[in-house]
Amino acid sequence: MLYLHAYPSLPSSGYAKFTIGFDLEKPDVTVTAGHAIWLYGNDGKLLPMSTVYGDIVSTLTKFAERTRENSSQSLNNPPRYID
């Protein structure tokens, strides 16, 4: 199951980020797909949606590749974090 959480509004400039996580039922753990995805650049300005979507695609692609590579790993002991 994928949980989506969003803030109702973002500050006009500054700092905001989010992570993508998956809750597993068996075993009962949450796996984070990767590092936090930033919504603001170093200049404090909101990043373009295309940049944020690109980061989401990149994060999920890396997560899928590593999950496939580790598919022989026991689901009784999944990784808590995959970079």
N, C-alpha and C. Protein backbone atom coordinates (compact mmCIF):
# COMPACT_ATOMS: atom_id res chain seq x y z
N MET A 1 0.84 -1.16 0.00
CA MET A 1 0.00 0.00 0.00
C MET A 1 0.89 1.23 0.00
N LEU A 2 0.56 2.19 -0.80
CA LEU A 2 1.30 3.45 -0.87
C LEU A 2 0.51 4.53 -0.14
N TYR A 3 1.18 5.19 0.78
CA TYR A 3 0.54 6.29 1.49
C TYR A 3 0.96 7.60 0.85
N LEU A 4 0.01 8.43 0.58
CA LEU A 4 0.29 9.76 0.05
C LEU A 4 -0.14 10.80 1.08
N HIS A 5 0.77 11.66 1.44
CA HIS A 5 0.45 12.74 2.37
C HIS A 5 0.88 14.04 1.73
N ALA A 6 0.10 15.06 1.84
CA ALA A 6 0.45 16.37 1.27
C ALA A 6 0.08 17.46 2.26
N TYR A 7 0.86 18.49 2.22
CA TYR A 7 0.55 19.64 3.04
C TYR A 7 -0.45 20.52 2.29
N PRO A 8 -1.40 21.13 2.98
CA PRO A 8 -2.41 21.93 2.29
C PRO A 8 -1.84 23.17 1.61
N SER A 9 -0.74 23.70 2.09
CA SER A 9 -0.13 24.85 1.45
C SER A 9 1.37 24.82 1.73
N LEU A 10 2.12 25.47 0.86
CA LEU A 10 3.56 25.54 1.02
C LEU A 10 3.95 26.98 1.28
N PRO A 11 5.02 27.19 2.02
CA PRO A 11 5.47 28.56 2.22
C PRO A 11 5.91 29.17 0.89
N SER A 12 5.83 30.49 0.76
CA SER A 12 6.18 31.15 -0.50
C SER A 12 7.65 30.95 -0.86
N SER A 13 8.48 30.77 0.11
CA SER A 13 9.88 30.41 -0.14
C SER A 13 10.40 29.68 1.08
N GLY A 14 11.42 28.89 0.88
CA GLY A 14 12.00 28.23 2.03
C GLY A 14 12.29 26.77 1.85
N TYR A 15 11.59 25.94 2.61
CA TYR A 15 12.01 24.57 2.82
C TYR A 15 10.81 23.64 2.86
N ALA A 16 10.80 22.63 2.01
CA ALA A 16 9.78 21.59 2.09
C ALA A 16 10.29 20.38 1.32
N LYS A 17 10.01 19.19 1.84
CA LYS A 17 10.41 17.96 1.18
C LYS A 17 9.46 16.86 1.60
N PHE A 18 9.52 15.72 0.89
CA PHE A 18 8.69 14.58 1.26
C PHE A 18 9.40 13.28 0.89
N THR A 19 8.93 12.19 1.45
CA THR A 19 9.45 10.86 1.12
C THR A 19 8.32 10.00 0.60
N ILE A 20 8.68 8.92 -0.07
CA ILE A 20 7.71 7.95 -0.56
C ILE A 20 7.95 6.65 0.20
N GLY A 21 6.91 6.15 0.82
CA GLY A 21 7.03 4.92 1.60
C GLY A 21 5.95 3.93 1.26
N PHE A 22 6.24 2.68 1.50
CA PHE A 22 5.30 1.60 1.25
C PHE A 22 5.11 0.82 2.54
N ASP A 23 3.87 0.61 2.94
CA ASP A 23 3.57 -0.23 4.10
C ASP A 23 3.35 -1.65 3.63
N LEU A 24 4.05 -2.57 4.25
CA LEU A 24 3.87 -3.99 3.94
C LEU A 24 3.00 -4.61 5.02
N GLU A 25 2.12 -5.51 4.61
CA GLU A 25 1.27 -6.17 5.60
C GLU A 25 1.99 -7.34 6.25
N LYS A 26 2.75 -8.09 5.48
CA LYS A 26 3.46 -9.25 6.02
C LYS A 26 4.89 -9.19 5.55
N PRO A 27 5.83 -8.86 6.38
CA PRO A 27 5.70 -8.44 7.77
C PRO A 27 5.19 -7.01 7.86
N ASP A 28 4.79 -6.62 9.02
CA ASP A 28 4.19 -5.30 9.24
C ASP A 28 5.30 -4.26 9.41
N VAL A 29 5.81 -3.76 8.28
CA VAL A 29 6.87 -2.75 8.30
C VAL A 29 6.59 -1.72 7.21
N THR A 30 7.25 -0.59 7.32
CA THR A 30 7.21 0.44 6.29
C THR A 30 8.58 0.53 5.64
N VAL A 31 8.61 0.55 4.33
CA VAL A 31 9.85 0.66 3.58
C VAL A 31 9.85 2.02 2.88
N THR A 32 10.91 2.79 3.07
CA THR A 32 11.05 4.08 2.40
C THR A 32 11.77 3.85 1.09
N ALA A 33 11.24 4.44 0.00
CA ALA A 33 11.79 4.19 -1.33
C ALA A 33 13.13 4.88 -1.56
N GLY A 34 13.43 5.93 -0.86
CA GLY A 34 14.69 6.64 -1.07
C GLY A 34 14.78 7.87 -0.19
N HIS A 35 15.73 8.72 -0.53
CA HIS A 35 15.90 9.97 0.22
C HIS A 35 14.71 10.89 0.01
N ALA A 36 14.63 11.91 0.83
CA ALA A 36 13.57 12.91 0.70
C ALA A 36 13.68 13.63 -0.63
N ILE A 37 12.54 13.96 -1.20
CA ILE A 37 12.48 14.70 -2.46
C ILE A 37 12.17 16.16 -2.10
N TRP A 38 13.02 17.05 -2.58
CA TRP A 38 12.90 18.46 -2.24
C TRP A 38 11.88 19.14 -3.12
N LEU A 39 11.16 20.06 -2.56
CA LEU A 39 10.21 20.88 -3.31
C LEU A 39 10.76 22.28 -3.59
N TYR A 40 11.85 22.64 -2.90
CA TYR A 40 12.47 23.95 -3.06
C TYR A 40 13.93 23.76 -3.42
N GLY A 41 14.46 24.67 -4.25
CA GLY A 41 15.87 24.66 -4.60
C GLY A 41 16.71 25.34 -3.55
N ASN A 42 18.02 25.34 -3.76
CA ASN A 42 18.93 26.00 -2.82
C ASN A 42 18.70 27.49 -2.72
N ASP A 43 18.08 28.07 -3.75
CA ASP A 43 17.79 29.50 -3.74
C ASP A 43 16.51 29.85 -2.99
N GLY A 44 15.84 28.84 -2.42
CA GLY A 44 14.61 29.07 -1.66
C GLY A 44 13.37 29.20 -2.51
N LYS A 45 13.50 28.95 -3.82
CA LYS A 45 12.35 29.04 -4.71
C LYS A 45 11.78 27.66 -5.01
N LEU A 46 10.47 27.61 -5.19
CA LEU A 46 9.79 26.37 -5.50
C LEU A 46 10.34 25.79 -6.80
N LEU A 47 10.65 24.48 -6.79
CA LEU A 47 11.17 23.82 -7.99
C LEU A 47 10.04 23.60 -9.00
N PRO A 48 10.35 23.57 -10.30
CA PRO A 48 9.34 23.27 -11.31
C PRO A 48 8.76 21.86 -11.09
N MET A 49 7.48 21.69 -11.40
CA MET A 49 6.85 20.38 -11.22
C MET A 49 7.59 19.30 -12.00
N SER A 50 8.11 19.64 -13.19
CA SER A 50 8.83 18.65 -13.99
C SER A 50 10.06 18.13 -13.26
N THR A 51 10.73 18.98 -12.51
CA THR A 51 11.89 18.56 -11.72
C THR A 51 11.47 17.63 -10.60
N VAL A 52 10.40 17.99 -9.90
CA VAL A 52 9.91 17.16 -8.79
C VAL A 52 9.43 15.81 -9.33
N TYR A 53 8.67 15.81 -10.43
CA TYR A 53 8.21 14.55 -11.02
C TYR A 53 9.39 13.70 -11.49
N GLY A 54 10.40 14.35 -12.05
CA GLY A 54 11.60 13.62 -12.46
C GLY A 54 12.28 12.95 -11.28
N ASP A 55 12.34 13.66 -10.15
CA ASP A 55 12.93 13.07 -8.94
C ASP A 55 12.09 11.90 -8.44
N ILE A 56 10.77 12.01 -8.53
CA ILE A 56 9.89 10.91 -8.12
C ILE A 56 10.13 9.68 -9.00
N VAL A 57 10.16 9.89 -10.31
CA VAL A 57 10.40 8.77 -11.24
C VAL A 57 11.76 8.14 -10.98
N SER A 58 12.77 8.96 -10.80
CA SER A 58 14.12 8.46 -10.53
C SER A 58 14.16 7.64 -9.24
N THR A 59 13.54 8.16 -8.18
CA THR A 59 13.51 7.46 -6.90
C THR A 59 12.81 6.12 -7.02
N LEU A 60 11.65 6.10 -7.67
CA LEU A 60 10.89 4.85 -7.79
C LEU A 60 11.58 3.87 -8.74
N THR A 61 12.26 4.36 -9.77
CA THR A 61 12.99 3.47 -10.67
C THR A 61 14.14 2.79 -9.94
N LYS A 62 14.91 3.57 -9.17
CA LYS A 62 16.00 2.99 -8.38
C LYS A 62 15.46 2.00 -7.36
N PHE A 63 14.35 2.34 -6.72
CA PHE A 63 13.73 1.45 -5.74
C PHE A 63 13.32 0.13 -6.40
N ALA A 64 12.69 0.20 -7.57
CA ALA A 64 12.26 -1.00 -8.28
C ALA A 64 13.45 -1.86 -8.69
N GLU A 65 14.52 -1.22 -9.18
CA GLU A 65 15.71 -1.97 -9.58
C GLU A 65 16.33 -2.69 -8.40
N ARG A 66 16.46 -2.00 -7.30
CA ARG A 66 17.07 -2.63 -6.11
C ARG A 66 16.16 -3.69 -5.52
N THR A 67 14.86 -3.49 -5.61
CA THR A 67 13.93 -4.50 -5.12
C THR A 67 14.06 -5.77 -5.96
N ARG A 68 14.16 -5.60 -7.29
CA ARG A 68 14.36 -6.76 -8.18
C ARG A 68 15.67 -7.46 -7.87
N GLU A 69 16.74 -6.68 -7.67
CA GLU A 69 18.05 -7.26 -7.35
C GLU A 69 18.01 -8.05 -6.06
N ASN A 70 17.22 -7.59 -5.12
CA ASN A 70 17.13 -8.23 -3.80
C ASN A 70 15.92 -9.16 -3.67
N SER A 71 15.33 -9.54 -4.80
CA SER A 71 14.10 -10.33 -4.73
C SER A 71 14.30 -11.67 -4.05
N SER A 72 15.52 -12.14 -3.99
CA SER A 72 15.77 -13.41 -3.31
C SER A 72 15.84 -13.25 -1.80
N GLN A 73 15.90 -11.99 -1.35
CA GLN A 73 15.95 -11.74 0.10
C GLN A 73 14.62 -12.13 0.73
N SER A 74 14.69 -12.69 1.89
CA SER A 74 13.49 -13.11 2.60
C SER A 74 12.59 -11.93 2.92
N LEU A 75 11.30 -12.06 2.65
CA LEU A 75 10.35 -11.02 3.01
C LEU A 75 10.15 -10.93 4.52
N ASN A 76 10.64 -11.93 5.24
CA ASN A 76 10.55 -11.86 6.70
C ASN A 76 11.54 -10.87 7.29
N ASN A 77 12.48 -10.40 6.46
CA ASN A 77 13.48 -9.45 6.93
C ASN A 77 13.77 -8.43 5.83
N PRO A 78 12.79 -7.64 5.40
CA PRO A 78 13.01 -6.67 4.31
C PRO A 78 13.85 -5.49 4.79
N PRO A 79 14.52 -4.81 3.86
CA PRO A 79 15.27 -3.62 4.26
C PRO A 79 14.33 -2.52 4.72
N ARG A 80 14.74 -1.75 5.70
CA ARG A 80 13.92 -0.63 6.18
C ARG A 80 14.08 0.58 5.28
N TYR A 81 15.23 0.65 4.59
CA TYR A 81 15.50 1.81 3.74
C TYR A 81 16.28 1.35 2.54
N ILE A 82 15.89 1.78 1.37
CA ILE A 82 16.63 1.47 0.16
C ILE A 82 17.00 2.77 -0.49
N ASP A 83 18.31 3.01 -0.62
CA ASP A 83 18.80 4.27 -1.20
C ASP A 83 18.73 4.23 -2.71
